[in-house]
């Protein structure tokens, strides 16, 4: 019998793509039985957070050290098809641009290869005073190794 971990799933990298599985629960749906539109952003947030963790970026340590935290500077999202209760979804995240104080990420929520929603998101690192600040060089190095090289 395979060893089972009690740790939460973190997704995984396949090449430069981070892949994060999500299951649709009753709490995710609206009256019609479709996933409520804001929940796609929640799925993407979980995937981004885990992508950074798996990639070697410790957001919590940076925050606790007073170095700042990421804030979402912009989101452009497009919805293409609904997801429903018990669907197995996959959030695919790609780093598309590294900036001095932030990173641009393209994310897709998919079911069996069909894109249900996709978004272009810019996250900016902000200091505790709320002002943008440069990302640590080590983080930029990690992102640069992960920048997507293929087609969008």
N, C-alpha and C. Protein backbone atom coordinates (compact mmCIF):
# COMPACT_ATOMS: atom_id res chain seq x y z
N UNK A 1 0.84 -1.17 0.00
CA UNK A 1 0.00 0.00 0.00
C UNK A 1 0.89 1.24 0.00
N UNK A 2 0.57 2.19 -0.84
CA UNK A 2 1.37 3.41 -0.94
C UNK A 2 1.23 4.24 0.33
N UNK A 3 2.31 4.92 0.66
CA UNK A 3 2.29 5.78 1.84
C UNK A 3 1.41 6.99 1.56
N UNK A 4 0.54 7.32 2.49
CA UNK A 4 -0.37 8.45 2.35
C UNK A 4 0.11 9.56 3.27
N UNK A 5 0.15 10.77 2.75
CA UNK A 5 0.59 11.92 3.52
C UNK A 5 -0.63 12.67 4.07
N UNK A 6 -0.49 13.18 5.27
CA UNK A 6 -1.53 14.02 5.85
C UNK A 6 -1.33 15.49 5.50
N UNK A 7 -0.31 15.77 4.73
CA UNK A 7 -0.04 17.16 4.32
C UNK A 7 -0.96 17.54 3.16
N UNK A 8 -1.36 18.82 3.10
CA UNK A 8 -2.20 19.26 1.98
C UNK A 8 -1.46 19.14 0.66
N UNK A 9 -2.21 18.92 -0.40
CA UNK A 9 -1.62 18.86 -1.74
C UNK A 9 -1.10 20.24 -2.11
N UNK A 10 0.05 20.28 -2.80
CA UNK A 10 0.65 21.55 -3.20
C UNK A 10 0.73 21.70 -4.71
N UNK A 11 0.18 20.78 -5.43
CA UNK A 11 0.37 20.84 -6.87
C UNK A 11 1.80 20.47 -7.21
N UNK A 12 2.13 20.63 -8.48
CA UNK A 12 3.48 20.24 -8.92
C UNK A 12 3.85 21.03 -10.17
N UNK A 13 5.13 21.13 -10.40
CA UNK A 13 5.61 21.72 -11.64
C UNK A 13 5.79 20.63 -12.67
N UNK A 14 5.33 20.89 -13.87
CA UNK A 14 5.67 20.09 -15.05
C UNK A 14 6.36 21.07 -15.98
N UNK A 15 7.67 20.97 -16.03
CA UNK A 15 8.44 21.98 -16.76
C UNK A 15 8.26 23.32 -16.05
N UNK A 16 7.81 24.32 -16.78
CA UNK A 16 7.63 25.65 -16.20
C UNK A 16 6.18 25.95 -15.82
N UNK A 17 5.32 24.97 -15.96
CA UNK A 17 3.92 25.12 -15.58
C UNK A 17 3.68 24.54 -14.19
N UNK A 18 2.94 25.27 -13.38
CA UNK A 18 2.50 24.71 -12.10
C UNK A 18 1.08 24.20 -12.29
N UNK A 19 0.83 22.97 -11.83
CA UNK A 19 -0.48 22.32 -12.00
C UNK A 19 -1.03 22.00 -10.62
N UNK A 20 -2.24 22.52 -10.35
CA UNK A 20 -2.84 22.42 -9.02
C UNK A 20 -4.27 21.87 -9.14
N UNK A 21 -4.51 20.66 -8.63
CA UNK A 21 -5.85 20.08 -8.74
C UNK A 21 -6.81 20.67 -7.70
N UNK A 22 -8.06 20.81 -8.11
CA UNK A 22 -9.12 21.34 -7.24
C UNK A 22 -10.38 20.51 -7.46
N UNK A 23 -11.08 20.22 -6.39
CA UNK A 23 -12.38 19.54 -6.47
C UNK A 23 -13.47 20.57 -6.18
N UNK A 24 -14.57 20.54 -6.92
CA UNK A 24 -15.69 21.45 -6.68
C UNK A 24 -16.59 20.84 -5.60
N UNK A 25 -16.80 21.60 -4.54
CA UNK A 25 -17.68 21.19 -3.45
C UNK A 25 -18.97 21.99 -3.49
N UNK A 26 -19.97 21.53 -2.75
CA UNK A 26 -21.27 22.19 -2.72
C UNK A 26 -21.12 23.67 -2.36
N UNK A 27 -20.24 23.97 -1.41
CA UNK A 27 -20.04 25.36 -0.97
C UNK A 27 -19.53 26.27 -2.09
N UNK A 28 -18.99 25.70 -3.16
CA UNK A 28 -18.44 26.48 -4.27
C UNK A 28 -19.50 26.90 -5.28
N UNK A 29 -20.68 26.31 -5.20
CA UNK A 29 -21.68 26.50 -6.25
C UNK A 29 -22.73 27.54 -5.86
N UNK A 30 -23.41 28.06 -6.89
CA UNK A 30 -24.49 29.00 -6.67
C UNK A 30 -25.84 28.28 -6.79
N UNK A 31 -26.92 29.02 -6.81
CA UNK A 31 -28.26 28.45 -6.85
C UNK A 31 -28.47 27.55 -8.06
N UNK A 32 -27.82 27.89 -9.17
CA UNK A 32 -27.99 27.10 -10.41
C UNK A 32 -27.17 25.81 -10.41
N UNK A 33 -26.27 25.65 -9.43
CA UNK A 33 -25.42 24.47 -9.38
C UNK A 33 -24.08 24.66 -10.06
N UNK A 34 -23.84 25.84 -10.63
CA UNK A 34 -22.56 26.15 -11.26
C UNK A 34 -21.63 26.78 -10.23
N UNK A 35 -20.33 26.67 -10.45
CA UNK A 35 -19.37 27.34 -9.56
C UNK A 35 -19.61 28.85 -9.63
N UNK A 36 -19.75 29.46 -8.47
CA UNK A 36 -19.93 30.91 -8.37
C UNK A 36 -18.69 31.59 -8.93
N UNK A 37 -18.89 32.67 -9.70
CA UNK A 37 -17.79 33.27 -10.46
C UNK A 37 -16.58 33.66 -9.61
N UNK A 38 -16.80 34.17 -8.40
CA UNK A 38 -15.68 34.61 -7.56
C UNK A 38 -14.82 33.44 -7.10
N UNK A 39 -15.38 32.24 -7.09
CA UNK A 39 -14.61 31.09 -6.61
C UNK A 39 -13.50 30.69 -7.56
N UNK A 40 -13.62 31.03 -8.85
CA UNK A 40 -12.50 30.77 -9.76
C UNK A 40 -11.27 31.55 -9.31
N UNK A 41 -11.48 32.79 -8.84
CA UNK A 41 -10.36 33.59 -8.32
C UNK A 41 -9.78 32.95 -7.06
N UNK A 42 -10.62 32.36 -6.24
CA UNK A 42 -10.12 31.66 -5.04
C UNK A 42 -9.26 30.47 -5.44
N UNK A 43 -9.72 29.70 -6.42
CA UNK A 43 -8.92 28.56 -6.89
C UNK A 43 -7.57 29.04 -7.40
N UNK A 44 -7.59 30.15 -8.16
CA UNK A 44 -6.34 30.68 -8.71
C UNK A 44 -5.42 31.18 -7.61
N UNK A 45 -5.98 31.80 -6.58
CA UNK A 45 -5.17 32.28 -5.45
C UNK A 45 -4.47 31.12 -4.76
N UNK A 46 -5.21 30.05 -4.51
CA UNK A 46 -4.60 28.87 -3.88
C UNK A 46 -3.47 28.32 -4.74
N UNK A 47 -3.72 28.24 -6.04
CA UNK A 47 -2.70 27.72 -6.95
C UNK A 47 -1.46 28.60 -6.96
N UNK A 48 -1.65 29.94 -7.00
CA UNK A 48 -0.50 30.85 -7.00
C UNK A 48 0.30 30.71 -5.71
N UNK A 49 -0.39 30.68 -4.58
CA UNK A 49 0.31 30.56 -3.30
C UNK A 49 1.13 29.28 -3.24
N UNK A 50 0.53 28.19 -3.68
CA UNK A 50 1.26 26.92 -3.66
C UNK A 50 2.38 26.89 -4.69
N UNK A 51 2.17 27.54 -5.84
CA UNK A 51 3.23 27.61 -6.84
C UNK A 51 4.46 28.30 -6.24
N UNK A 52 4.25 29.39 -5.52
CA UNK A 52 5.38 30.09 -4.91
C UNK A 52 6.06 29.21 -3.87
N UNK A 53 5.27 28.56 -3.03
CA UNK A 53 5.83 27.69 -1.99
C UNK A 53 6.65 26.57 -2.61
N UNK A 54 6.07 25.87 -3.58
CA UNK A 54 6.77 24.76 -4.23
C UNK A 54 8.02 25.26 -4.95
N UNK A 55 7.94 26.48 -5.51
CA UNK A 55 9.07 27.05 -6.23
C UNK A 55 10.20 27.55 -5.33
N UNK A 56 9.95 27.66 -4.02
CA UNK A 56 11.00 28.07 -3.10
C UNK A 56 10.87 29.47 -2.55
N UNK A 57 9.71 30.11 -2.72
CA UNK A 57 9.49 31.46 -2.21
C UNK A 57 8.64 31.36 -0.94
N UNK A 58 9.20 31.82 0.18
CA UNK A 58 8.52 31.73 1.47
C UNK A 58 7.88 33.09 1.80
N UNK A 59 6.63 33.26 1.37
CA UNK A 59 5.93 34.53 1.59
C UNK A 59 5.74 34.83 3.07
N UNK A 60 5.42 33.82 3.84
CA UNK A 60 5.17 34.03 5.27
C UNK A 60 6.42 34.52 5.98
N UNK A 61 7.56 33.91 5.70
CA UNK A 61 8.81 34.33 6.34
C UNK A 61 9.14 35.78 5.97
N UNK A 62 8.92 36.15 4.71
CA UNK A 62 9.18 37.52 4.29
C UNK A 62 8.27 38.50 5.02
N UNK A 63 7.01 38.14 5.15
CA UNK A 63 6.07 39.00 5.87
C UNK A 63 6.46 39.14 7.34
N UNK A 64 6.76 38.01 7.98
CA UNK A 64 7.12 38.03 9.40
C UNK A 64 8.43 38.77 9.65
N UNK A 65 9.31 38.82 8.65
CA UNK A 65 10.57 39.55 8.78
C UNK A 65 10.40 41.04 8.47
N UNK A 66 9.18 41.46 8.15
CA UNK A 66 8.93 42.87 7.86
C UNK A 66 9.33 43.28 6.46
N UNK A 67 9.52 42.30 5.57
CA UNK A 67 9.96 42.61 4.20
C UNK A 67 8.80 42.90 3.26
N UNK A 68 7.57 42.64 3.69
CA UNK A 68 6.42 42.94 2.85
C UNK A 68 5.68 41.70 2.42
N UNK A 69 4.70 41.93 1.56
CA UNK A 69 3.86 40.84 1.07
C UNK A 69 3.32 41.22 -0.31
N UNK A 70 2.82 40.22 -1.01
CA UNK A 70 2.26 40.48 -2.33
C UNK A 70 0.84 41.01 -2.21
N UNK A 71 0.52 41.95 -3.08
CA UNK A 71 -0.84 42.45 -3.25
C UNK A 71 -1.17 42.33 -4.73
N UNK A 72 -2.40 42.00 -5.03
CA UNK A 72 -2.80 41.89 -6.43
C UNK A 72 -3.01 43.30 -6.98
N UNK A 73 -2.24 43.64 -8.01
CA UNK A 73 -2.32 44.95 -8.64
C UNK A 73 -3.35 44.99 -9.75
N UNK A 74 -3.52 43.86 -10.46
CA UNK A 74 -4.54 43.81 -11.51
C UNK A 74 -4.96 42.38 -11.79
N UNK A 75 -6.22 42.25 -12.20
CA UNK A 75 -6.79 40.96 -12.60
C UNK A 75 -7.65 41.21 -13.82
N UNK A 76 -7.43 40.44 -14.86
CA UNK A 76 -8.32 40.42 -16.03
C UNK A 76 -8.74 38.97 -16.22
N UNK A 77 -10.02 38.69 -15.99
CA UNK A 77 -10.49 37.31 -16.03
C UNK A 77 -11.56 37.14 -17.10
N UNK A 78 -11.55 35.98 -17.75
CA UNK A 78 -12.53 35.64 -18.77
C UNK A 78 -13.13 34.28 -18.41
N UNK A 79 -14.45 34.23 -18.47
CA UNK A 79 -15.15 32.97 -18.18
C UNK A 79 -15.63 32.37 -19.48
N UNK A 80 -15.41 31.07 -19.66
CA UNK A 80 -15.77 30.42 -20.93
C UNK A 80 -16.84 29.35 -20.77
N UNK A 81 -16.82 28.63 -19.65
CA UNK A 81 -17.78 27.53 -19.45
C UNK A 81 -17.88 27.27 -17.95
N UNK A 82 -19.03 26.76 -17.48
CA UNK A 82 -19.20 26.53 -16.05
C UNK A 82 -18.61 25.22 -15.57
N UNK A 83 -18.27 25.20 -14.30
CA UNK A 83 -17.92 23.96 -13.59
C UNK A 83 -19.07 23.65 -12.65
N UNK A 84 -19.21 22.37 -12.29
CA UNK A 84 -20.33 21.93 -11.46
C UNK A 84 -19.85 21.10 -10.28
N UNK A 85 -20.77 20.83 -9.38
CA UNK A 85 -20.51 20.04 -8.20
C UNK A 85 -19.75 18.76 -8.53
N UNK A 86 -18.70 18.50 -7.78
CA UNK A 86 -17.86 17.31 -7.84
C UNK A 86 -16.92 17.26 -9.05
N UNK A 87 -16.91 18.29 -9.88
CA UNK A 87 -15.96 18.32 -11.00
C UNK A 87 -14.53 18.32 -10.46
N UNK A 88 -13.65 17.62 -11.15
CA UNK A 88 -12.21 17.65 -10.87
C UNK A 88 -11.60 18.68 -11.81
N UNK A 89 -11.09 19.76 -11.24
CA UNK A 89 -10.52 20.85 -12.02
C UNK A 89 -9.01 20.87 -11.88
N UNK A 90 -8.37 21.56 -12.79
CA UNK A 90 -6.93 21.74 -12.75
C UNK A 90 -6.65 23.21 -13.00
N UNK A 91 -5.91 23.84 -12.09
CA UNK A 91 -5.47 25.22 -12.28
C UNK A 91 -4.03 25.17 -12.78
N UNK A 92 -3.81 25.71 -13.97
CA UNK A 92 -2.48 25.74 -14.58
C UNK A 92 -1.98 27.17 -14.53
N UNK A 93 -0.81 27.37 -13.93
CA UNK A 93 -0.24 28.71 -13.74
C UNK A 93 1.09 28.81 -14.46
N UNK A 94 1.27 29.95 -15.13
CA UNK A 94 2.52 30.22 -15.85
C UNK A 94 3.01 31.62 -15.53
N UNK A 95 4.27 31.74 -15.16
CA UNK A 95 4.90 33.05 -14.99
C UNK A 95 5.13 33.59 -16.40
N UNK A 96 4.62 34.79 -16.68
CA UNK A 96 4.79 35.35 -18.03
C UNK A 96 5.71 36.56 -18.07
N UNK A 97 5.89 37.23 -16.92
CA UNK A 97 6.80 38.37 -16.89
C UNK A 97 7.27 38.62 -15.46
N UNK A 98 8.55 38.92 -15.33
CA UNK A 98 9.12 39.25 -14.03
C UNK A 98 9.44 40.74 -14.04
N UNK A 99 9.00 41.43 -13.02
CA UNK A 99 9.24 42.87 -12.89
C UNK A 99 10.03 43.11 -11.61
N UNK A 100 10.60 44.28 -11.48
CA UNK A 100 11.40 44.58 -10.30
C UNK A 100 10.60 44.41 -9.01
N UNK A 101 9.35 44.87 -9.03
CA UNK A 101 8.54 44.82 -7.81
C UNK A 101 7.37 43.84 -7.92
N UNK A 102 7.37 43.00 -8.92
CA UNK A 102 6.24 42.09 -9.04
C UNK A 102 6.41 41.05 -10.13
N UNK A 103 5.31 40.36 -10.38
CA UNK A 103 5.32 39.26 -11.34
C UNK A 103 3.95 39.19 -12.02
N UNK A 104 3.96 38.86 -13.31
CA UNK A 104 2.72 38.66 -14.06
C UNK A 104 2.54 37.16 -14.28
N UNK A 105 1.32 36.69 -14.01
CA UNK A 105 1.02 35.26 -14.06
C UNK A 105 -0.24 35.05 -14.89
N UNK A 106 -0.18 34.08 -15.79
CA UNK A 106 -1.37 33.67 -16.56
C UNK A 106 -1.87 32.37 -15.94
N UNK A 107 -3.18 32.32 -15.66
CA UNK A 107 -3.74 31.13 -15.03
C UNK A 107 -4.99 30.67 -15.79
N UNK A 108 -5.13 29.35 -15.88
CA UNK A 108 -6.31 28.75 -16.50
C UNK A 108 -6.90 27.73 -15.54
N UNK A 109 -8.23 27.73 -15.44
CA UNK A 109 -8.94 26.69 -14.70
C UNK A 109 -9.55 25.79 -15.76
N UNK A 110 -9.21 24.49 -15.69
CA UNK A 110 -9.60 23.56 -16.74
C UNK A 110 -10.30 22.33 -16.17
N UNK A 111 -11.13 21.73 -17.03
CA UNK A 111 -11.74 20.43 -16.71
C UNK A 111 -11.55 19.55 -17.94
N UNK A 112 -10.82 18.47 -17.77
CA UNK A 112 -10.57 17.54 -18.88
C UNK A 112 -10.07 18.26 -20.13
N UNK A 113 -9.17 19.22 -19.96
CA UNK A 113 -8.56 19.93 -21.08
C UNK A 113 -9.36 21.12 -21.59
N UNK A 114 -10.60 21.29 -21.14
CA UNK A 114 -11.44 22.42 -21.56
C UNK A 114 -11.18 23.60 -20.63
N UNK A 115 -10.86 24.76 -21.19
CA UNK A 115 -10.63 25.96 -20.38
C UNK A 115 -11.98 26.52 -19.94
N UNK A 116 -12.18 26.61 -18.63
CA UNK A 116 -13.41 27.15 -18.07
C UNK A 116 -13.28 28.63 -17.75
N UNK A 117 -12.11 29.03 -17.27
CA UNK A 117 -11.83 30.43 -16.95
C UNK A 117 -10.33 30.63 -17.08
N UNK A 118 -9.95 31.84 -17.48
CA UNK A 118 -8.52 32.16 -17.52
C UNK A 118 -8.34 33.61 -17.12
N UNK A 119 -7.18 33.89 -16.52
CA UNK A 119 -6.93 35.23 -16.00
C UNK A 119 -5.47 35.61 -16.18
N UNK A 120 -5.27 36.91 -16.35
CA UNK A 120 -3.94 37.51 -16.32
C UNK A 120 -3.88 38.33 -15.04
N UNK A 121 -2.91 38.02 -14.21
CA UNK A 121 -2.82 38.60 -12.87
C UNK A 121 -1.44 39.19 -12.67
N UNK A 122 -1.39 40.39 -12.08
CA UNK A 122 -0.13 41.00 -11.71
C UNK A 122 -0.12 41.13 -10.19
N UNK A 123 0.90 40.53 -9.57
CA UNK A 123 1.09 40.63 -8.12
C UNK A 123 2.29 41.53 -7.87
N UNK A 124 2.11 42.50 -6.98
CA UNK A 124 3.18 43.45 -6.66
C UNK A 124 3.62 43.25 -5.21
N UNK A 125 4.91 43.28 -4.98
CA UNK A 125 5.43 43.19 -3.62
C UNK A 125 5.33 44.58 -2.99
N UNK A 126 4.70 44.64 -1.82
CA UNK A 126 4.56 45.92 -1.12
C UNK A 126 5.18 45.81 0.26
N UNK A 127 5.82 46.90 0.67
CA UNK A 127 6.42 46.99 1.99
C UNK A 127 5.32 47.13 3.04
N UNK A 128 5.64 46.96 4.31
CA UNK A 128 4.62 47.12 5.36
C UNK A 128 3.91 48.48 5.33
N UNK A 129 4.57 49.51 4.78
CA UNK A 129 3.93 50.82 4.69
C UNK A 129 3.00 50.94 3.48
N UNK A 130 2.88 49.85 2.71
CA UNK A 130 1.96 49.84 1.57
C UNK A 130 2.57 50.30 0.25
N UNK A 131 3.82 50.68 0.26
CA UNK A 131 4.48 51.15 -0.97
C UNK A 131 5.14 49.98 -1.69
N UNK A 132 5.16 50.02 -3.02
CA UNK A 132 5.85 48.96 -3.77
C UNK A 132 7.32 48.90 -3.39
N UNK A 133 7.85 47.69 -3.44
CA UNK A 133 9.28 47.52 -3.16
C UNK A 133 9.84 46.45 -4.08
N UNK A 134 11.14 46.52 -4.30
CA UNK A 134 11.80 45.51 -5.14
C UNK A 134 11.71 44.14 -4.49
N UNK A 135 11.56 43.15 -5.34
CA UNK A 135 11.56 41.77 -4.85
C UNK A 135 12.99 41.36 -4.51
N UNK A 136 13.16 40.47 -3.56
CA UNK A 136 14.50 39.96 -3.27
C UNK A 136 15.10 39.32 -4.53
N UNK A 137 16.40 39.50 -4.69
CA UNK A 137 17.09 38.96 -5.88
C UNK A 137 16.87 37.45 -6.00
N UNK A 138 16.84 36.74 -4.89
CA UNK A 138 16.64 35.29 -4.94
C UNK A 138 15.27 34.95 -5.53
N UNK A 139 14.25 35.76 -5.24
CA UNK A 139 12.92 35.51 -5.79
C UNK A 139 12.91 35.78 -7.30
N UNK A 140 13.56 36.86 -7.70
CA UNK A 140 13.63 37.17 -9.13
C UNK A 140 14.32 36.04 -9.87
N UNK A 141 15.40 35.50 -9.29
CA UNK A 141 16.11 34.38 -9.91
C UNK A 141 15.19 33.17 -10.07
N UNK A 142 14.39 32.88 -9.05
CA UNK A 142 13.45 31.76 -9.14
C UNK A 142 12.45 32.00 -10.26
N UNK A 143 11.86 33.20 -10.27
CA UNK A 143 10.87 33.51 -11.31
C UNK A 143 11.47 33.43 -12.71
N UNK A 144 12.68 33.95 -12.87
CA UNK A 144 13.29 33.95 -14.20
C UNK A 144 13.52 32.54 -14.72
N UNK A 145 13.78 31.60 -13.83
CA UNK A 145 13.92 30.20 -14.26
C UNK A 145 12.58 29.60 -14.67
N UNK A 146 11.49 30.20 -14.22
CA UNK A 146 10.16 29.65 -14.48
C UNK A 146 9.37 30.38 -15.56
N UNK A 147 9.91 31.47 -16.12
CA UNK A 147 9.16 32.23 -17.13
C UNK A 147 8.78 31.32 -18.29
N UNK A 148 7.51 31.36 -18.65
CA UNK A 148 6.97 30.53 -19.72
C UNK A 148 7.61 30.90 -21.05
N UNK A 149 8.06 29.91 -21.78
CA UNK A 149 8.74 30.13 -23.06
C UNK A 149 7.88 29.75 -24.26
N UNK A 150 6.75 29.09 -24.03
CA UNK A 150 5.91 28.62 -25.13
C UNK A 150 4.85 29.62 -25.51
N UNK A 151 3.86 29.13 -26.25
CA UNK A 151 2.74 29.97 -26.65
C UNK A 151 1.82 30.16 -25.46
N UNK A 152 1.06 31.24 -25.49
CA UNK A 152 0.13 31.55 -24.39
C UNK A 152 -0.93 30.50 -24.21
